[in-house]
Amino acid sequence: MLVKGGSVGKGTAVKDKADIDCVVFLNNVKTMKEHQRKLQDTKDDLESCLKQSPYRKVITIKQQTKFAVRFCLDLSREFEIDLLPTFSTDQSLEELYKEMIGCTPEDRKYYSAHFVGLQVEFVKGQLPIVKDLIRLVKYWRKTCIEDTSGTRLPSSYPLELITIHCWEEAGKPESFDIRAGFKAVLQQLVEYCGINVRWYINYDRDSHKGRIKRMSKSRPFVLDPANPTNNVCSASDPEGWKIVADVADMTRKRKPLADITVTKNWKI
C-alpha cells in the first residue's frame, strides 16, 4: 500500500514549493524491529526499482536519508519526493502506541512513517478556507524567513497544526477574513512560549494524560494528533522559534495587517 503525504497529500501545497512524502507499507514486514533490521536493504531495493522504472529518464536519485530514498521527478515541473518504507501490522493504534512508548526515543523514530496517513487525514479534512490560510502561512514562512545554517527552523507541519488550533480558538468560523486569520496566527507565533496544544482524536486521553502533562512542560508544545509521543515543535531549536517570532512580529506591524483588529471570530 502507498500513502501520499507531505503538503501535496494534505492539500496544503504552495505553488512551486511543494514536497511529497510517499509511504510504502511493506506487506512482508510486520513489526518495527523487523523493519529496523531490514531498513537499509529495503532502501537499496527501492532505489534499484526507481533506477529500473519506466520513468527512470525523468527520475534523479538525490540521496538516501536515514529513513527514506530521496529523488526528484521532473515532469511539467520538478517534484522532490521522499520514499519512506514502513511496516504493516494487525495491531490496533493503542497497541502500537503502547509498544512505542516502551521504546527508546531513537527507536520511536522508526514508527513515524507508519502514522503519516493519520497526519494527512487530520489536515486534509479541514475546511477549504482553513487550508487556504495554511497555504498563506506556509508561503509567508518560505518567502519571509531565511533558513540559516545551524539553526533548526519550524517545518511546515507544526505551522499547519498551529494554524488549525488558532482557527478552533476563534470558534471554527466557516467563513472569515483571511487577513484577520493570518494576523491571529502571527500573534500566536510571536507568543510561541505560550503554545500548548493537543488533540485526542486517535488516542485515549486518560491512557496518556500523565505522560502528556509531563511532555507539555516543554514549550512550545503541539502534540501530533497522530502520535502521542511526538511534540512536533521539538524538532526546532529555541533560536529557530525566536527567529520565526521576530519575523511574525515585524509582519503583523506592517500595513495592511497593522490596521486590522482581530476579533473573536475573525470578522472585520
Protein backbone atom coordinates (compact mmCIF):
# COMPACT_ATOMS: atom_id res chain seq x y z
CA MET A 1 0.00 0.00 0.00
CA LEU A 2 1.19 3.51 -0.85
CA VAL A 3 0.12 6.62 1.10
CA LYS A 4 0.82 10.09 -0.27
CA GLY A 5 1.87 12.53 2.43
CA GLY A 6 3.57 15.92 2.59
CA SER A 7 1.88 19.14 1.57
CA VAL A 8 0.60 17.62 -1.67
CA GLY A 9 -1.14 14.78 0.16
CA LYS A 10 -2.67 17.16 2.70
CA GLY A 11 -3.92 19.64 0.10
CA THR A 12 -1.81 22.48 1.51
CA ALA A 13 0.86 22.73 -1.18
CA VAL A 14 2.23 26.16 -2.04
CA LYS A 15 2.85 26.64 -5.77
CA ASP A 16 6.42 25.77 -6.77
CA LYS A 17 7.24 24.94 -3.14
CA ALA A 18 5.61 21.54 -2.69
CA ASP A 19 7.06 18.45 -1.11
CA ILE A 20 5.78 14.90 -1.40
CA ASP A 21 6.22 12.05 1.06
CA CYS A 22 5.27 8.64 -0.30
CA VAL A 23 4.98 5.99 2.40
CA VAL A 24 5.27 2.37 1.28
CA PHE A 25 3.65 -0.15 3.65
CA LEU A 26 5.55 -3.42 3.29
CA ASN A 27 3.29 -6.46 3.42
CA ASN A 28 6.14 -8.81 4.33
CA VAL A 29 7.41 -6.68 7.25
CA LYS A 30 5.09 -6.91 10.27
CA THR A 31 6.95 -5.33 13.19
CA MET A 32 9.04 -2.26 13.90
CA LYS A 33 12.02 -4.39 14.92
CA GLU A 34 11.93 -6.29 11.64
CA HIS A 35 11.56 -3.00 9.76
CA GLN A 36 14.53 -1.55 11.65
CA ARG A 37 16.66 -4.59 10.87
CA LYS A 38 15.81 -4.63 7.15
CA LEU A 39 15.60 -0.88 6.52
CA GLN A 40 18.89 -0.42 4.70
CA ASP A 41 18.24 -3.38 2.39
CA THR A 42 14.71 -2.07 1.79
CA LYS A 43 16.00 1.37 0.80
CA ASP A 44 18.55 -0.21 -1.52
CA ASP A 45 15.80 -2.27 -3.18
CA LEU A 46 13.58 0.81 -3.60
CA GLU A 47 16.44 2.78 -5.15
CA SER A 48 17.13 -0.09 -7.55
CA CYS A 49 13.45 -0.19 -8.56
CA LEU A 50 13.48 3.55 -9.26
CA LYS A 51 16.56 3.19 -11.46
CA GLN A 52 14.83 0.44 -13.46
CA SER A 53 11.45 2.18 -13.61
CA PRO A 54 9.84 3.04 -16.99
CA TYR A 55 10.08 6.65 -15.74
CA ARG A 56 13.82 6.43 -14.99
CA LYS A 57 14.64 9.13 -17.57
CA VAL A 58 12.77 11.74 -15.50
CA ILE A 59 13.99 10.42 -12.12
CA THR A 60 17.12 11.70 -10.43
CA ILE A 61 18.19 9.94 -7.25
CA LYS A 62 19.37 12.53 -4.73
CA GLN A 63 20.37 10.54 -1.67
CA GLN A 64 19.32 8.05 0.94
CA THR A 65 18.43 9.62 4.27
CA LYS A 66 18.18 7.54 7.44
CA PHE A 67 14.55 6.63 6.74
CA ALA A 68 13.94 7.41 3.07
CA VAL A 69 15.09 7.40 -0.53
CA ARG A 70 15.00 10.97 -1.83
CA PHE A 71 14.64 11.62 -5.54
CA CYS A 72 13.45 14.25 -7.99
CA LEU A 73 10.74 13.65 -10.57
CA ASP A 74 10.95 16.06 -13.50
CA LEU A 75 7.59 16.31 -15.27
CA SER A 76 5.97 19.63 -16.20
CA ARG A 77 7.73 20.85 -13.03
CA GLU A 78 10.20 19.26 -10.66
CA PHE A 79 8.98 17.44 -7.57
CA GLU A 80 11.22 16.37 -4.69
CA ILE A 81 9.92 13.12 -3.24
CA ASP A 82 10.83 11.17 -0.13
CA LEU A 83 10.03 7.48 -0.49
CA LEU A 84 9.57 6.13 3.04
CA PRO A 85 9.19 2.40 3.69
CA THR A 86 7.39 1.25 6.83
CA PHE A 87 5.94 -1.92 8.27
CA SER A 88 2.39 -3.29 8.11
CA THR A 89 0.68 -4.61 11.22
CA ASP A 90 -2.60 -6.00 12.52
CA GLN A 91 -2.12 -4.20 15.85
CA SER A 92 -4.57 -1.54 16.96
CA LEU A 93 -3.38 2.05 17.29
CA GLU A 94 -3.37 1.84 21.09
CA GLU A 95 -1.30 -1.35 20.95
CA LEU A 96 1.17 0.40 18.67
CA TYR A 97 1.29 3.46 20.91
CA LYS A 98 1.90 1.33 23.99
CA GLU A 99 4.69 -0.54 22.21
CA MET A 100 6.23 2.71 21.02
CA ILE A 101 6.13 4.33 24.47
CA GLY A 102 8.20 1.42 25.78
CA CYS A 103 10.96 2.08 23.22
CA THR A 104 13.94 4.38 23.40
CA PRO A 105 13.49 7.83 21.78
CA GLU A 106 15.75 6.71 18.93
CA ASP A 107 13.71 3.56 18.23
CA ARG A 108 10.45 5.55 18.23
CA LYS A 109 11.59 7.29 15.06
CA TYR A 110 11.14 4.01 13.18
CA TYR A 111 7.38 4.26 13.81
CA SER A 112 6.99 7.79 12.41
CA ALA A 113 6.27 6.93 8.78
CA HIS A 114 3.56 4.50 9.90
CA PHE A 115 1.44 7.43 11.13
CA VAL A 116 1.73 9.67 8.07
CA GLY A 117 -1.73 8.64 6.85
CA LEU A 118 -3.32 9.87 10.10
CA GLN A 119 -1.47 13.18 9.82
CA VAL A 120 -2.73 13.60 6.26
CA GLU A 121 -6.32 12.81 7.25
CA PHE A 122 -6.27 15.39 10.04
CA VAL A 123 -5.05 18.28 7.89
CA LYS A 124 -6.78 17.26 4.66
CA GLY A 125 -10.13 17.07 6.47
CA GLN A 126 -10.10 20.77 7.38
CA LEU A 127 -12.38 23.27 5.62
CA PRO A 128 -11.08 24.67 2.31
CA ILE A 129 -10.82 28.17 3.78
CA VAL A 130 -8.67 26.83 6.63
CA LYS A 131 -6.36 25.16 4.11
CA ASP A 132 -6.18 28.49 2.24
CA LEU A 133 -5.00 30.11 5.46
CA ILE A 134 -2.47 27.32 5.99
CA ARG A 135 -1.09 27.91 2.49
CA LEU A 136 -0.76 31.64 3.24
CA VAL A 137 1.12 30.94 6.49
CA LYS A 138 3.42 28.47 4.72
CA TYR A 139 4.07 30.90 1.87
CA TRP A 140 4.98 33.57 4.44
CA ARG A 141 7.31 31.12 6.19
CA LYS A 142 9.05 30.13 2.96
CA THR A 143 9.43 33.63 1.49
CA CYS A 144 9.99 35.82 4.56
CA ILE A 145 12.19 33.66 6.79
CA GLU A 146 15.63 32.75 5.59
CA ASP A 147 16.96 29.33 6.51
CA THR A 148 20.26 29.80 8.29
CA SER A 149 22.95 27.20 8.70
CA GLY A 150 23.00 25.64 12.14
CA THR A 151 19.52 26.83 13.15
CA ARG A 152 16.58 24.42 13.02
CA LEU A 153 13.54 26.45 11.99
CA PRO A 154 9.98 25.13 12.40
CA SER A 155 8.88 22.98 9.48
CA SER A 156 5.51 23.12 7.72
CA TYR A 157 3.72 20.57 9.91
CA PRO A 158 3.82 22.46 13.25
CA LEU A 159 2.75 25.62 11.42
CA GLU A 160 -0.19 23.74 9.88
CA LEU A 161 -1.28 22.49 13.31
CA ILE A 162 -0.84 25.89 14.98
CA THR A 163 -2.98 27.47 12.25
CA ILE A 164 -5.73 24.89 12.78
CA HIS A 165 -5.59 25.48 16.54
CA CYS A 166 -5.92 29.26 16.08
CA TRP A 167 -8.98 28.69 13.90
CA GLU A 168 -10.50 26.40 16.53
CA GLU A 169 -9.84 29.03 19.22
CA ALA A 170 -11.75 31.53 17.06
CA GLY A 171 -14.83 29.27 17.25
CA LYS A 172 -14.27 27.37 13.98
CA PRO A 173 -15.89 30.02 11.74
CA GLU A 174 -16.96 28.60 8.39
CA SER A 175 -16.12 31.93 6.76
CA PHE A 176 -13.74 34.66 7.90
CA ASP A 177 -11.47 37.44 6.71
CA ILE A 178 -8.26 35.63 5.84
CA ARG A 179 -6.21 38.71 6.77
CA ALA A 180 -7.58 38.57 10.30
CA GLY A 181 -6.88 34.85 10.48
CA PHE A 182 -3.34 35.39 9.24
CA LYS A 183 -2.72 38.10 11.84
CA ALA A 184 -4.11 35.85 14.58
CA VAL A 185 -1.65 33.10 13.60
CA LEU A 186 1.22 35.62 13.55
CA GLN A 187 0.25 36.79 17.03
CA GLN A 188 0.30 33.20 18.26
CA LEU A 189 3.77 32.71 16.77
CA VAL A 190 5.00 35.86 18.50
CA GLU A 191 3.77 34.34 21.77
CA TYR A 192 5.18 30.90 20.94
CA CYS A 193 6.24 30.20 24.53
CA GLY A 194 2.56 30.02 25.45
CA ILE A 195 1.60 27.45 22.81
CA ASN A 196 0.13 24.34 24.46
CA VAL A 197 -2.00 22.28 22.07
CA ARG A 198 -3.18 18.68 21.89
CA TRP A 199 -5.95 16.73 20.13
CA TYR A 200 -7.38 13.46 21.46
CA ILE A 201 -8.77 12.02 18.26
CA ASN A 202 -6.59 8.95 17.70
CA TYR A 203 -5.53 8.09 21.25
CA ASP A 204 -7.24 7.82 24.60
CA ARG A 205 -6.98 10.90 26.84
CA ASP A 206 -6.82 9.00 30.14
CA SER A 207 -4.23 6.47 28.97
CA HIS A 208 -1.73 9.18 28.07
CA LYS A 209 -2.74 12.02 30.40
CA GLY A 210 0.19 11.88 32.85
CA ARG A 211 2.90 11.48 30.26
CA ILE A 212 1.48 14.22 28.02
CA LYS A 213 1.29 16.57 31.01
CA ARG A 214 4.99 16.00 31.63
CA MET A 215 5.82 16.48 27.94
CA SER A 216 3.87 19.75 27.79
CA LYS A 217 6.23 21.42 30.25
CA SER A 218 8.45 22.00 27.22
CA ARG A 219 7.13 24.93 25.20
CA PRO A 220 6.05 25.49 22.54
CA PHE A 221 4.06 22.26 22.76
CA VAL A 222 1.93 20.90 19.93
CA LEU A 223 1.17 17.22 20.27
CA ASP A 224 0.97 15.36 16.99
CA PRO A 225 -2.67 14.24 16.58
CA ALA A 226 -1.32 11.00 15.07
CA ASN A 227 1.40 10.26 17.62
CA PRO A 228 1.08 10.83 21.39
CA THR A 229 4.86 10.69 21.87
CA ASN A 230 5.67 13.50 19.44
CA ASN A 231 5.80 17.20 20.29
CA VAL A 232 6.10 18.44 16.71
CA CYS A 233 7.66 21.70 17.92
CA SER A 234 10.64 19.94 19.48
CA ALA A 235 12.31 19.31 16.11
CA SER A 236 13.14 23.04 16.00
CA ASP A 237 15.56 24.68 18.39
CA PRO A 238 14.76 27.74 20.60
CA GLU A 239 16.70 30.06 18.30
CA GLY A 240 14.59 28.87 15.35
CA TRP A 241 11.35 29.71 17.16
CA LYS A 242 12.74 33.11 18.18
CA ILE A 243 13.58 33.91 14.54
CA VAL A 244 10.04 32.98 13.49
CA ALA A 245 8.59 35.08 16.34
CA ASP A 246 10.67 38.14 15.40
CA VAL A 247 9.65 37.98 11.72
CA ALA A 248 5.99 37.37 12.70
CA ASP A 249 6.12 40.45 14.94
CA MET A 250 7.52 42.61 12.13
CA THR A 251 4.97 41.27 9.64
CA ARG A 252 1.91 41.94 11.82
CA LYS A 253 3.03 45.56 12.39
CA ARG A 254 3.22 46.32 8.68
CA LYS A 255 0.33 47.60 6.60
CA PRO A 256 -2.26 46.37 5.82
CA LEU A 257 -2.13 44.00 8.81
CA ALA A 258 -1.26 46.80 11.22
CA ASP A 259 -4.72 48.33 10.68
CA ILE A 260 -6.62 45.08 11.27
CA THR A 261 -8.15 44.31 14.65
CA VAL A 262 -8.51 40.58 15.22
CA THR A 263 -11.99 39.89 16.56
CA LYS A 264 -13.07 36.64 18.21
CA ASN A 265 -14.49 35.15 15.00
CA TRP A 266 -12.00 36.82 12.64
CA LYS A 267 -14.53 39.18 11.10
CA ILE A 268 -13.68 42.80 10.27
